[in-house]
Every structure is written in C-alpha cells, then in structure tokens.
Amino acid sequence: MGNYLSGQQLGARLEELVRAANAEMPVVQAAFNRVLGKVQYAHDNLSAAFTRPADFGGGGGDKHLSAISQIGDVIAGCVKEAEQNVELTAEALRLAAAEYARTDQAAGTELRNLMANDYTEDGSGRKVPIPDIKLAL
C-alpha cells in the first residue's frame, strides 16, 4: 500500500520540519512584519496628504480620508493576521515533529541526535551552530 518512513529516515525528515519552523518561518514572519511597517508608513503619509491644515480653512481631513483610513486598516489587519498565521504554522510544525518523535523511538533518537549537531554555514563556509532550537522532546 503506502511507503511510510520510520526510524532514522523519519527522524531526518522531522529534523527538516523543525529546521523550517526554527530557521525559515521566522524569516517569513519578519518579512510580514516589515510589510506591516511599510503599510503603516504609507497609511500615515496618505492620511497626512488628505488632511487640510486649519490655516487653510480645514482642521480635519477631507471626505476621502475616512475611506483611505479604512483601507489602510483592512490591509494592515490582513498582513498582521498572515504574520500570526506563520507563527502558528511554525508551532504546528514543531508540535508535529515532537509527536511523531514521541511515537517512533528510533525517529525520536535520530531527531535528537540531528538537533544536537544542528548547524548552518556562514558566508565563508564555516559551520555555525543554530541557537535556540525549540523542541520539547
């Protein structure tokens, strides 16, 4: 029927899940955070552009300011929710890896061994340990 992984092979795949959760998902989350900052910056600038100073008979925004503000809020809300979803996805990957490792002793052992020796490479090709590996095993 199916060709299922177990033991060391499963442990190696689980390590890839944990690596994605710990090393790659935070990069995606940071990108959403930067986008959120840019959305807020654009929103503030557009609001200022549609505000008439009191010296010129204003003292508030024109009729378009409310619509621009609502659009900015909707876009910011979507980006913030996407950022939170990335964080939840990373947590789900760690949870899935931990649960599979718990049910397959050989996979759990291999995962722990790989995580203990986990590293990345810097620009010159030197091994650099990955800090703060989050895995509750």
Protein backbone atom coordinates (compact mmCIF):
# COMPACT_ATOMS: atom_id res chain seq x y z
CA MET A 1 0.00 0.00 0.00
CA GLY A 2 1.99 3.01 1.20
CA ASN A 3 5.71 3.58 1.51
CA TYR A 4 5.91 5.09 5.01
CA LEU A 5 9.07 6.31 6.67
CA SER A 6 10.10 5.25 10.13
CA GLY A 7 13.16 5.16 12.34
CA GLN A 8 16.20 7.15 11.28
CA GLN A 9 14.67 8.21 7.95
CA LEU A 10 11.63 9.63 9.72
CA GLY A 11 13.88 11.34 12.28
CA ALA A 12 15.82 13.02 9.47
CA ARG A 13 12.59 14.29 7.91
CA LEU A 14 11.35 15.52 11.28
CA GLU A 15 14.58 17.49 11.68
CA GLU A 16 13.74 19.24 8.39
CA LEU A 17 10.35 20.22 9.83
CA VAL A 18 11.93 21.60 12.99
CA ARG A 19 14.61 23.42 10.98
CA ALA A 20 11.89 25.03 8.84
CA ALA A 21 9.96 26.05 11.95
CA ASN A 22 13.00 27.46 13.75
CA ALA A 23 15.11 28.90 10.95
CA GLU A 24 12.91 29.60 7.93
CA MET A 25 9.50 30.54 9.28
CA PRO A 26 10.89 33.39 11.41
CA VAL A 27 12.35 34.89 8.22
CA VAL A 28 8.90 34.82 6.61
CA GLN A 29 7.37 36.27 9.77
CA ALA A 30 9.95 39.08 9.78
CA ALA A 31 9.09 39.85 6.15
CA PHE A 32 5.43 40.24 7.06
CA ASN A 33 6.46 42.47 9.96
CA ARG A 34 8.45 44.70 7.56
CA VAL A 35 5.47 44.85 5.20
CA LEU A 36 3.25 45.85 8.13
CA GLY A 37 5.63 48.72 8.93
CA LYS A 38 5.56 49.88 5.31
CA VAL A 39 1.76 49.67 5.19
CA GLN A 40 1.55 51.78 8.35
CA TYR A 41 4.06 54.29 6.93
CA ALA A 42 2.07 54.60 3.69
CA HIS A 43 -1.18 54.89 5.64
CA ASP A 44 0.24 57.71 7.76
CA ASN A 45 1.56 59.57 4.72
CA LEU A 46 -1.72 59.24 2.83
CA SER A 47 -3.66 60.43 5.86
CA ALA A 48 -1.40 63.47 6.10
CA ALA A 49 -1.81 64.17 2.39
CA PHE A 50 -5.59 64.27 2.72
CA THR A 51 -5.63 66.44 5.84
CA ARG A 52 -6.24 70.14 5.34
CA PRO A 53 -4.47 72.44 7.82
CA ALA A 54 -6.58 74.80 9.92
CA ASP A 55 -4.73 77.76 8.35
CA PHE A 56 -6.45 76.93 5.05
CA GLY A 57 -9.97 76.54 6.34
CA GLY A 58 -9.52 72.90 7.25
CA GLY A 59 -8.87 71.47 10.62
CA GLY A 60 -9.53 67.93 9.57
CA GLY A 61 -9.43 65.53 6.71
CA ASP A 62 -11.44 65.73 3.54
CA LYS A 63 -14.18 63.30 2.55
CA HIS A 64 -11.66 60.71 1.27
CA LEU A 65 -9.68 60.43 4.50
CA SER A 66 -12.16 58.04 6.13
CA ALA A 67 -12.10 55.65 3.15
CA ILE A 68 -8.30 55.74 2.98
CA SER A 69 -8.10 55.05 6.69
CA GLN A 70 -10.45 52.09 6.41
CA ILE A 71 -8.50 50.59 3.51
CA GLY A 72 -5.24 51.02 5.42
CA ASP A 73 -6.74 49.33 8.47
CA VAL A 74 -8.01 46.39 6.41
CA ILE A 75 -4.65 45.88 4.68
CA ALA A 76 -2.75 46.17 7.97
CA GLY A 77 -5.13 43.69 9.59
CA CYS A 78 -4.60 41.16 6.78
CA VAL A 79 -0.82 41.46 6.99
CA LYS A 80 -0.87 41.15 10.79
CA GLU A 81 -3.08 38.07 10.59
CA ALA A 82 -0.78 36.49 7.99
CA GLU A 83 2.21 37.14 10.27
CA GLN A 84 0.40 35.44 13.16
CA ASN A 85 -0.53 32.50 10.92
CA VAL A 86 3.13 32.00 10.03
CA GLU A 87 3.97 31.85 13.75
CA LEU A 88 1.17 29.33 14.33
CA THR A 89 2.36 27.25 11.39
CA ALA A 90 5.88 27.11 12.84
CA GLU A 91 4.46 25.99 16.17
CA ALA A 92 2.38 23.31 14.40
CA LEU A 93 5.49 22.01 12.60
CA ARG A 94 7.36 21.73 15.92
CA LEU A 95 4.36 20.03 17.53
CA ALA A 96 4.01 17.54 14.65
CA ALA A 97 7.72 16.70 14.79
CA ALA A 98 7.58 16.23 18.55
CA GLU A 99 4.50 14.00 18.33
CA TYR A 100 5.94 11.77 15.58
CA ALA A 101 9.24 11.56 17.51
CA ARG A 102 7.30 10.54 20.60
CA THR A 103 5.54 7.68 18.80
CA ASP A 104 8.62 6.33 16.97
CA GLN A 105 11.53 5.81 19.37
CA ALA A 106 14.17 5.44 16.65
CA ALA A 107 12.90 8.56 14.88
CA GLY A 108 12.98 10.47 18.17
CA THR A 109 16.55 9.37 18.85
CA GLU A 110 17.66 10.36 15.36
CA LEU A 111 15.88 13.70 15.64
CA ARG A 112 17.55 14.47 18.98
CA ASN A 113 20.96 13.48 17.55
CA LEU A 114 20.49 15.67 14.49
CA MET A 115 19.23 18.59 16.57
CA ALA A 116 22.20 18.29 18.92
CA ASN A 117 24.54 18.59 15.94
CA ASP A 118 22.48 21.13 14.00
CA TYR A 119 24.42 23.90 12.33
CA THR A 120 24.37 26.23 9.38
CA GLU A 121 27.18 27.75 7.35
CA ASP A 122 28.24 31.35 7.29
CA GLY A 123 29.30 33.20 4.12
CA SER A 124 32.80 31.69 4.22
CA GLY A 125 31.55 28.12 4.60
CA ARG A 126 32.34 27.76 8.31
CA LYS A 127 29.92 25.80 10.49
CA VAL A 128 27.89 28.00 12.81
CA PRO A 129 25.57 26.48 15.44
CA ILE A 130 21.90 27.40 15.18
CA PRO A 131 20.93 28.97 18.51
CA ASP A 132 17.74 28.43 20.49
CA ILE A 133 16.46 25.24 18.93
CA LYS A 134 12.87 24.95 20.13
CA LEU A 135 11.80 21.37 20.51
CA ALA A 136 10.07 19.97 23.54
CA LEU A 137 11.08 16.32 23.47
